[in-house]
Amino acid sequence: IEGPYSPTNYSLKFSGNVPIRRAFEKSINVVAVKLNDLVGPKTVVSFAEKSGIESELSPILSLPLGANEVTMLELTQAYMVFANYGKKVKPVSILKIEDRNGVSLYKHRFKEERVIEENLVATLVDTMRGIVDYGTGRNAKLPRPIAGKTGTTSDYKDAWFFGFVPQLVCATWVGNDDNDPMNKVSGGWVPARMWKDFMREALKGVPAQ
């Protein structure tokens, strides 16, 4: 049985009524919880499972703020669905196998599955672009369209940034091996800068879309 739940924002300040787009850009926790309440936690869980989250999720109000732990790979797959405009592809580590002469012995064949309507994902991706352009993910900004989301636990034990372009999804995380809190490291700081440095090299010669 849950008692009264009173979420707070990262800044410990309340902004009143704000548009969803602005709430995304500034990672306003209270809006995320209210939106979860409006659409229903069970609906949010279903959406997450469609996107590739396999860890058990509890349909509770604090779900959008990380009440349940999931793996980086699961989250990366979910963001891949967004980058792929609603189509899910199972992640694999081996794409092909060749012998010493370069003869192909195995090549993985990707199978796409539409799990979310394209127009819904397009709206979400457009909103997430604002996070990088104007919000908490500004340190990840490159001279090309990017969408992403920052994340920071309230105790500063975890900080991450998930970002993507149409051709590539990348996730960065920082934390201590012994799970001790960091010195106020947020997802929009170190992880976002790590993401930017990696993607700048990974996308060399790749045209912006």
N, C-alpha and C. Protein backbone atom coordinates (compact mmCIF):
# COMPACT_ATOMS: atom_id res chain seq x y z
N ILE A 1 0.86 -1.19 0.00
CA ILE A 1 0.00 0.00 0.00
C ILE A 1 0.89 1.24 0.00
N GLU A 2 0.64 2.14 -0.93
CA GLU A 2 1.43 3.36 -1.03
C GLU A 2 0.80 4.46 -0.17
N GLY A 3 1.65 5.24 0.44
CA GLY A 3 1.18 6.39 1.18
C GLY A 3 1.09 7.60 0.27
N PRO A 4 0.89 8.79 0.82
CA PRO A 4 0.84 10.01 0.00
C PRO A 4 2.14 10.18 -0.78
N TYR A 5 2.01 10.59 -2.04
CA TYR A 5 3.19 10.78 -2.88
C TYR A 5 3.28 12.24 -3.28
N SER A 6 4.40 12.88 -2.98
CA SER A 6 4.59 14.29 -3.28
C SER A 6 5.91 14.50 -3.98
N PRO A 7 5.95 14.37 -5.32
CA PRO A 7 7.21 14.52 -6.06
C PRO A 7 7.68 15.95 -6.07
N THR A 8 8.99 16.12 -6.22
CA THR A 8 9.58 17.45 -6.33
C THR A 8 10.39 17.54 -7.61
N ASN A 9 10.64 18.75 -8.06
CA ASN A 9 11.46 18.97 -9.24
C ASN A 9 12.94 19.02 -8.86
N TYR A 10 13.80 18.85 -9.86
CA TYR A 10 15.25 18.87 -9.63
C TYR A 10 15.67 20.19 -8.98
N SER A 11 15.05 21.28 -9.40
CA SER A 11 15.41 22.60 -8.88
C SER A 11 14.78 22.89 -7.51
N LEU A 12 13.88 21.98 -7.07
CA LEU A 12 13.13 22.16 -5.81
C LEU A 12 12.19 23.36 -5.88
N LYS A 13 11.91 23.84 -7.10
CA LYS A 13 10.98 24.94 -7.32
C LYS A 13 9.82 24.45 -8.18
N PHE A 14 8.68 25.11 -8.07
CA PHE A 14 7.52 24.76 -8.87
C PHE A 14 7.21 25.88 -9.85
N SER A 15 6.88 25.50 -11.09
CA SER A 15 6.69 26.48 -12.15
C SER A 15 5.22 26.70 -12.53
N GLY A 16 4.31 26.00 -11.86
CA GLY A 16 2.91 26.14 -12.23
C GLY A 16 2.62 25.41 -13.53
N ASN A 17 1.63 25.89 -14.26
CA ASN A 17 1.27 25.25 -15.52
C ASN A 17 2.32 25.55 -16.59
N VAL A 18 2.84 24.51 -17.23
CA VAL A 18 3.81 24.68 -18.31
C VAL A 18 3.45 23.73 -19.45
N PRO A 19 3.76 24.08 -20.70
CA PRO A 19 3.49 23.18 -21.83
C PRO A 19 4.33 21.91 -21.70
N ILE A 20 3.82 20.83 -22.28
CA ILE A 20 4.54 19.55 -22.26
C ILE A 20 5.94 19.72 -22.85
N ARG A 21 6.04 20.45 -23.94
CA ARG A 21 7.34 20.64 -24.60
C ARG A 21 8.34 21.30 -23.65
N ARG A 22 7.90 22.31 -22.94
CA ARG A 22 8.78 23.00 -22.01
C ARG A 22 9.15 22.09 -20.84
N ALA A 23 8.18 21.28 -20.39
CA ALA A 23 8.45 20.36 -19.29
C ALA A 23 9.51 19.34 -19.68
N PHE A 24 9.46 18.87 -20.94
CA PHE A 24 10.48 17.95 -21.44
C PHE A 24 11.84 18.63 -21.45
N GLU A 25 11.88 19.85 -21.98
CA GLU A 25 13.15 20.55 -22.13
C GLU A 25 13.84 20.79 -20.79
N LYS A 26 13.06 21.03 -19.76
CA LYS A 26 13.61 21.36 -18.45
C LYS A 26 13.55 20.20 -17.46
N SER A 27 13.12 19.02 -17.93
CA SER A 27 13.02 17.83 -17.07
C SER A 27 12.25 18.11 -15.79
N ILE A 28 11.04 18.64 -15.95
CA ILE A 28 10.22 18.98 -14.80
C ILE A 28 9.50 17.72 -14.31
N ASN A 29 9.90 17.23 -13.17
CA ASN A 29 9.41 15.96 -12.65
C ASN A 29 7.91 15.94 -12.39
N VAL A 30 7.39 17.00 -11.80
CA VAL A 30 5.98 17.03 -11.41
C VAL A 30 5.08 16.84 -12.63
N VAL A 31 5.44 17.45 -13.74
CA VAL A 31 4.65 17.31 -14.97
C VAL A 31 4.67 15.86 -15.46
N ALA A 32 5.82 15.22 -15.37
CA ALA A 32 5.93 13.82 -15.79
C ALA A 32 5.02 12.93 -14.96
N VAL A 33 4.98 13.17 -13.65
CA VAL A 33 4.14 12.37 -12.77
C VAL A 33 2.66 12.64 -13.04
N LYS A 34 2.31 13.89 -13.26
CA LYS A 34 0.91 14.24 -13.55
C LYS A 34 0.47 13.63 -14.88
N LEU A 35 1.34 13.65 -15.86
CA LEU A 35 1.01 13.05 -17.16
C LEU A 35 0.82 11.54 -17.01
N ASN A 36 1.67 10.92 -16.22
CA ASN A 36 1.54 9.49 -15.93
C ASN A 36 0.18 9.20 -15.29
N ASP A 37 -0.23 10.08 -14.39
CA ASP A 37 -1.52 9.91 -13.71
C ASP A 37 -2.68 10.07 -14.69
N LEU A 38 -2.56 11.02 -15.62
CA LEU A 38 -3.63 11.29 -16.58
C LEU A 38 -3.84 10.14 -17.56
N VAL A 39 -2.75 9.61 -18.11
CA VAL A 39 -2.89 8.53 -19.11
C VAL A 39 -3.02 7.18 -18.44
N GLY A 40 -2.57 7.08 -17.19
CA GLY A 40 -2.66 5.83 -16.44
C GLY A 40 -1.36 5.08 -16.44
N PRO A 41 -0.84 4.74 -15.25
CA PRO A 41 0.43 4.02 -15.15
C PRO A 41 0.46 2.71 -15.94
N LYS A 42 -0.67 2.01 -16.01
CA LYS A 42 -0.71 0.76 -16.77
C LYS A 42 -0.48 1.01 -18.25
N THR A 43 -0.98 2.13 -18.76
CA THR A 43 -0.75 2.50 -20.16
C THR A 43 0.72 2.80 -20.40
N VAL A 44 1.34 3.48 -19.44
CA VAL A 44 2.77 3.80 -19.55
C VAL A 44 3.60 2.52 -19.56
N VAL A 45 3.26 1.57 -18.71
CA VAL A 45 3.97 0.30 -18.68
C VAL A 45 3.82 -0.42 -20.01
N SER A 46 2.62 -0.43 -20.57
CA SER A 46 2.38 -1.09 -21.85
C SER A 46 3.21 -0.45 -22.96
N PHE A 47 3.27 0.87 -22.97
CA PHE A 47 4.06 1.60 -23.96
C PHE A 47 5.54 1.24 -23.84
N ALA A 48 6.03 1.19 -22.60
CA ALA A 48 7.44 0.86 -22.36
C ALA A 48 7.75 -0.56 -22.83
N GLU A 49 6.85 -1.49 -22.55
CA GLU A 49 7.07 -2.88 -22.96
C GLU A 49 7.07 -3.01 -24.48
N LYS A 50 6.20 -2.28 -25.15
CA LYS A 50 6.19 -2.30 -26.62
C LYS A 50 7.51 -1.79 -27.18
N SER A 51 8.11 -0.84 -26.47
CA SER A 51 9.35 -0.22 -26.95
C SER A 51 10.58 -1.06 -26.68
N GLY A 52 10.44 -2.15 -25.90
CA GLY A 52 11.58 -3.03 -25.67
C GLY A 52 12.02 -3.19 -24.24
N ILE A 53 11.31 -2.59 -23.29
CA ILE A 53 11.65 -2.76 -21.87
C ILE A 53 11.14 -4.12 -21.41
N GLU A 54 12.04 -4.99 -20.98
CA GLU A 54 11.65 -6.33 -20.56
C GLU A 54 11.69 -6.50 -19.04
N SER A 55 12.38 -5.62 -18.33
CA SER A 55 12.39 -5.68 -16.87
C SER A 55 10.99 -5.40 -16.33
N GLU A 56 10.70 -5.95 -15.18
CA GLU A 56 9.37 -5.77 -14.59
C GLU A 56 9.17 -4.32 -14.17
N LEU A 57 8.06 -3.75 -14.57
CA LEU A 57 7.72 -2.37 -14.22
C LEU A 57 6.45 -2.35 -13.39
N SER A 58 6.45 -1.55 -12.33
CA SER A 58 5.27 -1.42 -11.48
C SER A 58 4.44 -0.23 -11.95
N PRO A 59 3.13 -0.40 -12.13
CA PRO A 59 2.27 0.71 -12.58
C PRO A 59 1.98 1.68 -11.44
N ILE A 60 2.96 2.48 -11.08
CA ILE A 60 2.82 3.42 -9.97
C ILE A 60 3.12 4.83 -10.46
N LEU A 61 2.75 5.82 -9.67
CA LEU A 61 2.89 7.21 -10.09
C LEU A 61 4.35 7.62 -10.30
N SER A 62 5.26 7.06 -9.52
CA SER A 62 6.67 7.45 -9.61
C SER A 62 7.41 6.75 -10.74
N LEU A 63 6.72 5.97 -11.53
CA LEU A 63 7.36 5.22 -12.62
C LEU A 63 8.19 6.09 -13.57
N PRO A 64 7.69 7.27 -14.01
CA PRO A 64 8.48 8.09 -14.95
C PRO A 64 9.78 8.63 -14.36
N LEU A 65 9.89 8.61 -13.03
CA LEU A 65 11.09 9.15 -12.38
C LEU A 65 12.10 8.07 -12.03
N GLY A 66 11.89 6.86 -12.56
CA GLY A 66 12.88 5.80 -12.35
C GLY A 66 12.62 4.94 -11.15
N ALA A 67 11.35 4.70 -10.82
CA ALA A 67 11.02 3.88 -9.66
C ALA A 67 11.48 2.43 -9.83
N ASN A 68 11.55 1.97 -11.07
CA ASN A 68 12.01 0.61 -11.36
C ASN A 68 13.31 0.66 -12.14
N GLU A 69 14.23 -0.26 -11.83
CA GLU A 69 15.50 -0.29 -12.54
C GLU A 69 15.38 -1.08 -13.84
N VAL A 70 15.98 -0.55 -14.89
CA VAL A 70 16.06 -1.25 -16.17
C VAL A 70 17.49 -1.16 -16.67
N THR A 71 17.85 -1.97 -17.63
CA THR A 71 19.22 -1.99 -18.11
C THR A 71 19.44 -0.91 -19.17
N MET A 72 20.70 -0.56 -19.36
CA MET A 72 21.05 0.41 -20.40
C MET A 72 20.68 -0.11 -21.78
N LEU A 73 20.83 -1.41 -22.00
CA LEU A 73 20.51 -1.99 -23.29
C LEU A 73 19.02 -1.88 -23.57
N GLU A 74 18.19 -2.12 -22.55
CA GLU A 74 16.75 -1.99 -22.74
C GLU A 74 16.37 -0.56 -23.11
N LEU A 75 16.94 0.39 -22.39
CA LEU A 75 16.63 1.79 -22.67
C LEU A 75 17.13 2.20 -24.04
N THR A 76 18.30 1.71 -24.43
CA THR A 76 18.83 2.03 -25.74
C THR A 76 17.93 1.48 -26.83
N GLN A 77 17.41 0.27 -26.63
CA GLN A 77 16.48 -0.31 -27.62
C GLN A 77 15.22 0.53 -27.71
N ALA A 78 14.73 1.01 -26.57
CA ALA A 78 13.53 1.83 -26.57
C ALA A 78 13.76 3.12 -27.35
N TYR A 79 14.92 3.74 -27.16
CA TYR A 79 15.23 4.96 -27.90
C TYR A 79 15.44 4.65 -29.37
N MET A 80 15.90 3.44 -29.68
CA MET A 80 16.03 3.04 -31.08
C MET A 80 14.67 3.02 -31.76
N VAL A 81 13.63 2.62 -31.03
CA VAL A 81 12.28 2.64 -31.58
C VAL A 81 11.89 4.08 -31.95
N PHE A 82 12.28 5.03 -31.12
CA PHE A 82 11.98 6.43 -31.42
C PHE A 82 12.76 6.89 -32.66
N ALA A 83 14.04 6.54 -32.72
CA ALA A 83 14.86 6.93 -33.86
C ALA A 83 14.37 6.28 -35.15
N ASN A 84 13.75 5.11 -35.01
CA ASN A 84 13.26 4.34 -36.17
C ASN A 84 11.78 4.62 -36.42
N TYR A 85 11.27 5.66 -35.81
CA TYR A 85 9.89 6.12 -36.00
C TYR A 85 8.87 5.01 -35.80
N GLY A 86 9.02 4.31 -34.66
CA GLY A 86 8.00 3.36 -34.26
C GLY A 86 8.26 1.92 -34.58
N LYS A 87 9.37 1.62 -35.25
CA LYS A 87 9.70 0.23 -35.58
C LYS A 87 10.78 -0.29 -34.65
N LYS A 88 10.55 -1.48 -34.12
CA LYS A 88 11.50 -2.10 -33.18
C LYS A 88 12.34 -3.14 -33.88
N VAL A 89 13.62 -3.14 -33.56
CA VAL A 89 14.55 -4.14 -34.07
C VAL A 89 15.31 -4.70 -32.88
N LYS A 90 15.37 -6.01 -32.77
CA LYS A 90 16.07 -6.62 -31.65
C LYS A 90 17.57 -6.37 -31.76
N PRO A 91 18.20 -5.84 -30.71
CA PRO A 91 19.65 -5.57 -30.77
C PRO A 91 20.47 -6.85 -30.76
N VAL A 92 21.52 -6.88 -31.54
CA VAL A 92 22.44 -8.02 -31.59
C VAL A 92 23.87 -7.51 -31.50
N SER A 93 24.78 -8.38 -31.09
CA SER A 93 26.18 -7.97 -30.98
C SER A 93 27.02 -8.45 -32.15
N ILE A 94 26.56 -9.45 -32.88
CA ILE A 94 27.30 -9.99 -34.02
C ILE A 94 26.51 -9.73 -35.30
N LEU A 95 27.08 -8.90 -36.18
CA LEU A 95 26.39 -8.58 -37.42
C LEU A 95 26.74 -9.56 -38.53
N LYS A 96 28.01 -9.99 -38.57
CA LYS A 96 28.42 -10.94 -39.61
C LYS A 96 29.68 -11.68 -39.19
N ILE A 97 29.91 -12.81 -39.80
CA ILE A 97 31.10 -13.61 -39.56
C ILE A 97 31.72 -13.95 -40.91
N GLU A 98 33.03 -13.73 -41.02
CA GLU A 98 33.76 -14.05 -42.25
C GLU A 98 34.95 -14.93 -41.92
N ASP A 99 35.38 -15.73 -42.90
CA ASP A 99 36.59 -16.52 -42.67
C ASP A 99 37.82 -15.67 -42.99
N ARG A 100 38.99 -16.26 -42.90
CA ARG A 100 40.23 -15.50 -43.08
C ARG A 100 40.37 -14.91 -44.48
N ASN A 101 39.63 -15.45 -45.44
CA ASN A 101 39.69 -14.96 -46.81
C ASN A 101 38.59 -13.95 -47.12
N GLY A 102 37.83 -13.61 -46.12
CA GLY A 102 36.77 -12.63 -46.32
C GLY A 102 35.47 -13.22 -46.85
N VAL A 103 35.39 -14.53 -46.89
CA VAL A 103 34.17 -15.19 -47.36
C VAL A 103 33.12 -15.15 -46.25
N SER A 104 31.94 -14.70 -46.57
CA SER A 104 30.88 -14.57 -45.58
C SER A 104 30.36 -15.93 -45.12
N LEU A 105 30.39 -16.15 -43.82
CA LEU A 105 29.86 -17.38 -43.24
C LEU A 105 28.49 -17.15 -42.59
N TYR A 106 28.27 -15.93 -42.15
CA TYR A 106 26.99 -15.61 -41.50
C TYR A 106 26.75 -14.11 -41.60
N LYS A 107 25.52 -13.74 -41.85
CA LYS A 107 25.13 -12.33 -41.85
C LYS A 107 23.76 -12.21 -41.20
N HIS A 108 23.70 -11.38 -40.17
CA HIS A 108 22.45 -11.24 -39.45
C HIS A 108 21.42 -10.49 -40.30
N ARG A 109 20.21 -10.98 -40.30
CA ARG A 109 19.13 -10.34 -41.02
C ARG A 109 18.19 -9.67 -40.01
N PHE A 110 18.11 -8.37 -40.13
CA PHE A 110 17.28 -7.62 -39.20
C PHE A 110 15.80 -7.77 -39.55
N LYS A 111 14.99 -7.88 -38.53
CA LYS A 111 13.55 -7.96 -38.70
C LYS A 111 12.90 -6.81 -37.95
N GLU A 112 12.22 -5.94 -38.69
CA GLU A 112 11.56 -4.79 -38.09
C GLU A 112 10.11 -5.14 -37.72
N GLU A 113 9.68 -4.57 -36.62
CA GLU A 113 8.30 -4.76 -36.16
C GLU A 113 7.74 -3.40 -35.73
N ARG A 114 6.65 -2.99 -36.37
CA ARG A 114 6.06 -1.72 -35.97
C ARG A 114 5.32 -1.91 -34.65
N VAL A 115 5.69 -1.12 -33.66
CA VAL A 115 5.09 -1.25 -32.33
C VAL A 115 4.37 0.03 -31.89
N ILE A 116 4.69 1.16 -32.53
CA ILE A 116 4.06 2.44 -32.20
C ILE A 116 3.75 3.17 -33.50
N GLU A 117 2.62 3.87 -33.53
CA GLU A 117 2.25 4.62 -34.73
C GLU A 117 3.29 5.69 -35.05
N GLU A 118 3.62 5.81 -36.33
CA GLU A 118 4.68 6.71 -36.75
C GLU A 118 4.39 8.16 -36.39
N ASN A 119 3.13 8.60 -36.56
CA ASN A 119 2.83 10.01 -36.29
C ASN A 119 2.99 10.35 -34.81
N LEU A 120 2.72 9.39 -33.93
CA LEU A 120 2.89 9.62 -32.50
C LEU A 120 4.37 9.76 -32.16
N VAL A 121 5.19 8.89 -32.75
CA VAL A 121 6.63 8.95 -32.48
C VAL A 121 7.23 10.22 -33.06
N ALA A 122 6.75 10.64 -34.21
CA ALA A 122 7.27 11.87 -34.84
C ALA A 122 7.05 13.07 -33.92
N THR A 123 5.90 13.13 -33.28
CA THR A 123 5.62 14.22 -32.35
C THR A 123 6.54 14.14 -31.14
N LEU A 124 6.76 12.93 -30.63
CA LEU A 124 7.65 12.75 -29.48
C LEU A 124 9.08 13.15 -29.83
N VAL A 125 9.57 12.70 -30.98
CA VAL A 125 10.94 13.01 -31.40
C VAL A 125 11.12 14.52 -31.56
N ASP A 126 10.13 15.18 -32.14
CA ASP A 126 10.22 16.63 -32.30
C ASP A 126 10.32 17.32 -30.95
N THR A 127 9.58 16.82 -29.98
CA THR A 127 9.64 17.38 -28.63
C THR A 127 11.02 17.13 -28.01
N MET A 128 11.56 15.93 -28.24
CA MET A 128 12.86 15.59 -27.67
C MET A 128 14.00 16.38 -28.32
N ARG A 129 13.81 16.86 -29.52
CA ARG A 129 14.82 17.72 -30.14
C ARG A 129 14.98 19.01 -29.36
N GLY A 130 13.88 19.48 -28.77
CA GLY A 130 13.95 20.70 -27.98
C GLY A 130 14.79 20.54 -26.73
N ILE A 131 14.89 19.31 -26.22
CA ILE A 131 15.71 19.05 -25.04
C ILE A 131 17.18 19.37 -25.33
N VAL A 132 17.62 19.03 -26.54
CA VAL A 132 19.00 19.30 -26.95
C VAL A 132 19.18 20.74 -27.40
N ASP A 133 18.19 21.27 -28.09
CA ASP A 133 18.31 22.63 -28.63
C ASP A 133 18.18 23.71 -27.55
N TYR A 134 17.27 23.48 -26.58
CA TYR A 134 16.97 24.55 -25.63
C TYR A 134 17.00 24.11 -24.16
N GLY A 135 17.10 22.82 -23.90
CA GLY A 135 16.90 22.34 -22.54
C GLY A 135 18.12 21.76 -21.86
N THR A 136 17.88 20.72 -21.06
CA THR A 136 18.93 20.15 -20.22
C THR A 136 20.00 19.42 -21.01
N GLY A 137 19.74 19.12 -22.29
CA GLY A 137 20.72 18.39 -23.11
C GLY A 137 21.55 19.26 -24.02
N ARG A 138 21.65 20.55 -23.73
CA ARG A 138 22.36 21.47 -24.63
C ARG A 138 23.83 21.10 -24.82
N ASN A 139 24.45 20.48 -23.83
CA ASN A 139 25.87 20.12 -23.96
C ASN A 139 26.11 19.02 -24.99
N ALA A 140 25.04 18.39 -25.47
CA ALA A 140 25.18 17.34 -26.48
C ALA A 140 24.97 17.88 -27.89
N LYS A 141 24.72 19.15 -28.02
CA LYS A 141 24.34 19.73 -29.31
C LYS A 141 25.46 19.67 -30.32
N LEU A 142 25.11 19.23 -31.53
CA LEU A 142 26.01 19.20 -32.68
C LEU A 142 25.31 19.93 -33.84
N PRO A 143 26.06 20.30 -34.88
CA PRO A 143 25.43 21.01 -36.01
C PRO A 143 24.61 20.07 -36.91
N ARG A 144 23.65 19.39 -36.32
CA ARG A 144 22.74 18.51 -37.04
C ARG A 144 21.55 18.22 -36.12
N PRO A 145 20.41 17.80 -36.65
CA PRO A 145 19.25 17.51 -35.80
C PRO A 145 19.52 16.35 -34.85
N ILE A 146 19.30 16.56 -33.57
CA ILE A 146 19.53 15.54 -32.53
C ILE A 146 18.34 15.56 -31.57
N ALA A 147 17.93 14.39 -31.14
CA ALA A 147 16.91 14.28 -30.10
C ALA A 147 17.50 13.49 -28.95
N GLY A 148 17.07 13.78 -27.74
CA GLY A 148 17.65 13.06 -26.60
C GLY A 148 16.95 13.38 -25.30
N LYS A 149 17.45 12.77 -24.23
CA LYS A 149 16.89 12.99 -22.89
C LYS A 149 17.98 12.79 -21.85
N THR A 150 18.05 13.72 -20.92
CA THR A 150 18.98 13.61 -19.79
C THR A 150 18.30 12.89 -18.63
N GLY A 151 19.11 12.39 -17.72
CA GLY A 151 18.57 11.77 -16.52
C GLY A 151 19.55 11.87 -15.37
N THR A 152 19.04 12.17 -14.18
CA THR A 152 19.87 12.28 -12.98
C THR A 152 19.07 11.77 -11.79
N THR A 153 19.63 10.85 -11.03
CA THR A 153 18.93 10.40 -9.82
C THR A 153 19.05 11.45 -8.73
N SER A 154 18.09 11.46 -7.82
CA SER A 154 18.03 12.49 -6.80
C SER A 154 19.23 12.45 -5.85
N ASP A 155 19.88 11.28 -5.76
CA ASP A 155 21.04 11.16 -4.87
C ASP A 155 22.36 11.27 -5.62
N TYR A 156 22.30 11.58 -6.91
CA TYR A 156 23.49 11.74 -7.76
C TYR A 156 24.33 10.47 -7.89
N LYS A 157 23.69 9.32 -7.71
CA LYS A 157 24.42 8.06 -7.91
C LYS A 157 24.49 7.69 -9.39
N ASP A 158 23.57 8.20 -10.18
CA ASP A 158 23.52 7.90 -11.62
C ASP A 158 23.22 9.16 -12.41
N ALA A 159 23.89 9.27 -13.55
CA ALA A 159 23.59 10.35 -14.48
C ALA A 159 23.79 9.80 -15.88
N TRP A 160 22.87 10.12 -16.78
CA TRP A 160 22.97 9.54 -18.12
C TRP A 160 22.40 10.48 -19.18
N PHE A 161 22.73 10.19 -20.41
CA PHE A 161 22.15 10.89 -21.55
C PHE A 161 21.90 9.88 -22.66
N PHE A 162 20.68 9.87 -23.15
CA PHE A 162 20.32 9.04 -24.30
C PHE A 162 20.01 9.98 -25.45
N GLY A 163 20.70 9.79 -26.56
CA GLY A 163 20.47 10.65 -27.71
C GLY A 163 20.55 9.88 -29.00
N PHE A 164 19.99 10.46 -30.06
CA PHE A 164 20.01 9.76 -31.34
C PHE A 164 19.83 10.71 -32.51
N VAL A 165 20.34 10.24 -33.64
CA VAL A 165 20.06 10.79 -34.95
C VAL A 165 19.41 9.63 -35.72
N PRO A 166 18.87 9.86 -36.91
CA PRO A 166 18.20 8.76 -37.62
C PRO A 166 19.08 7.53 -37.86
N GLN A 167 20.40 7.72 -37.95
CA GLN A 167 21.29 6.59 -38.27
C GLN A 167 21.89 5.91 -37.05
N LEU A 168 21.85 6.54 -35.87
CA LEU A 168 22.59 5.99 -34.75
C LEU A 168 22.00 6.44 -33.41
N VAL A 169 21.90 5.49 -32.48
CA VAL A 169 21.48 5.76 -31.11
C VAL A 169 22.67 5.50 -30.19
N CYS A 170 22.87 6.35 -29.21
CA CYS A 170 23.98 6.17 -28.27
C CYS A 170 23.52 6.55 -26.86
N ALA A 171 23.97 5.77 -25.88
CA ALA A 171 23.65 6.05 -24.48
C ALA A 171 24.95 6.20 -23.70
N THR A 172 25.00 7.19 -22.83
CA THR A 172 26.17 7.39 -21.96
C THR A 172 25.70 7.45 -20.51
N TRP A 173 26.50 6.90 -19.63
CA TRP A 173 26.17 6.87 -18.19
C TRP A 173 27.43 7.08 -17.39
N VAL A 174 27.30 7.75 -16.27
CA VAL A 174 28.42 7.88 -15.34
C VAL A 174 27.93 7.59 -13.93
N GLY A 175 28.81 7.02 -13.12
CA GLY A 175 28.50 6.70 -11.73
C GLY A 175 29.72 6.06 -11.10
N ASN A 176 29.71 5.90 -9.80
CA ASN A 176 30.82 5.28 -9.09
C ASN A 176 30.64 3.77 -8.99
N ASP A 177 31.75 3.03 -9.08
CA ASP A 177 31.69 1.57 -9.00
C ASP A 177 31.09 1.08 -7.68
N ASP A 178 31.32 1.83 -6.61
CA ASP A 178 30.81 1.40 -5.30
C ASP A 178 29.43 1.99 -5.00
N ASN A 179 28.82 2.62 -6.01
CA ASN A 179 27.47 3.18 -5.89
C ASN A 179 27.38 4.37 -4.94
N ASP A 180 28.52 4.98 -4.63
CA ASP A 180 28.50 6.19 -3.82
C ASP A 180 28.00 7.37 -4.66
N PRO A 181 27.38 8.36 -4.03
CA PRO A 181 26.92 9.54 -4.77
C PRO A 181 28.09 10.30 -5.39
N MET A 182 27.84 10.90 -6.55
CA MET A 182 28.83 11.74 -7.20
C MET A 182 28.68 13.17 -6.69
N ASN A 183 29.60 14.03 -7.10
CA ASN A 183 29.57 15.42 -6.67
C ASN A 183 28.67 16.24 -7.58
N LYS A 184 27.37 16.01 -7.43
CA LYS A 184 26.34 16.75 -8.17
C LYS A 184 26.53 16.68 -9.69
N VAL A 185 26.91 15.49 -10.19
CA VAL A 185 27.03 15.29 -11.64
C VAL A 185 25.64 15.01 -12.20
N SER A 186 25.22 15.79 -13.17
CA SER A 186 23.91 15.63 -13.78
C SER A 186 24.04 15.06 -15.19
N GLY A 187 22.94 14.52 -15.70
CA GLY A 187 22.96 13.93 -17.03
C GLY A 187 23.24 14.93 -18.13
N GLY A 188 22.89 16.18 -17.90
CA GLY A 188 23.14 17.21 -18.90
C GLY A 188 24.55 17.75 -18.88
N TRP A 189 25.38 17.23 -17.99
CA TRP A 189 26.76 17.72 -17.89
C TRP A 189 27.72 16.68 -18.48
N VAL A 190 28.30 15.82 -17.66
CA VAL A 190 29.32 14.88 -18.13
C VAL A 190 28.78 13.89 -19.18
N PRO A 191 27.66 13.20 -18.92
CA PRO A 191 27.18 12.24 -19.93
C PRO A 191 26.87 12.90 -21.28
N ALA A 192 26.28 14.09 -21.25
CA ALA A 192 25.96 14.77 -22.51
C ALA A 192 27.22 15.15 -23.28
N ARG A 193 28.25 15.57 -22.58
CA ARG A 193 29.51 15.93 -23.24
C ARG A 193 30.22 14.69 -23.77
N MET A 194 30.14 13.58 -23.01
CA MET A 194 30.70 12.31 -23.50
C MET A 194 30.00 11.89 -24.79
N TRP A 195 28.68 11.99 -24.78
CA TRP A 195 27.88 11.62 -25.95
C TRP A 195 28.29 12.45 -27.17
N LYS A 196 28.44 13.74 -26.95
CA LYS A 196 28.80 14.65 -28.04
C LYS A 196 30.16 14.29 -28.63
N ASP A 197 31.15 14.02 -27.76
CA ASP A 197 32.49 13.69 -28.23
C ASP A 197 32.49 12.40 -29.05
N PHE A 198 31.73 11.41 -28.58
CA PHE A 198 31.66 10.14 -29.32
C PHE A 198 30.94 10.31 -30.66
N MET A 199 29.80 10.95 -30.62
CA MET A 199 28.99 11.07 -31.83
C MET A 199 29.66 11.96 -32.88
N ARG A 200 30.44 12.93 -32.44
CA ARG A 200 31.15 13.78 -33.40
C ARG A 200 32.06 12.93 -34.28
N GLU A 201 32.74 11.94 -33.67
CA GLU A 201 33.63 11.06 -34.43
C GLU A 201 32.84 9.99 -35.18
N ALA A 202 31.83 9.42 -34.53
CA ALA A 202 31.06 8.34 -35.15
C ALA A 202 30.30 8.78 -36.38
N LEU A 203 29.93 10.07 -36.45
CA LEU A 203 29.11 10.57 -37.54
C LEU A 203 29.90 11.31 -38.60
N LYS A 204 31.24 11.24 -38.52
CA LYS A 204 32.05 11.89 -39.55
C LYS A 204 31.74 11.28 -40.92
N GLY A 205 31.42 12.13 -41.86
CA GLY A 205 31.11 11.66 -43.22
C GLY A 205 29.69 11.16 -43.38
N VAL A 206 28.89 11.18 -42.30
CA VAL A 206 27.49 10.76 -42.39
C VAL A 206 26.63 11.98 -42.59
N PRO A 207 25.91 12.09 -43.70
CA PRO A 207 25.09 13.27 -43.95
C PRO A 207 24.00 13.46 -42.90
N ALA A 208 23.73 14.69 -42.54
CA ALA A 208 22.65 14.97 -41.59
C ALA A 208 21.31 14.75 -42.26
N GLN A 209 20.36 14.25 -41.49
CA GLN A 209 19.01 14.04 -42.01
C GLN A 209 18.00 14.79 -41.15
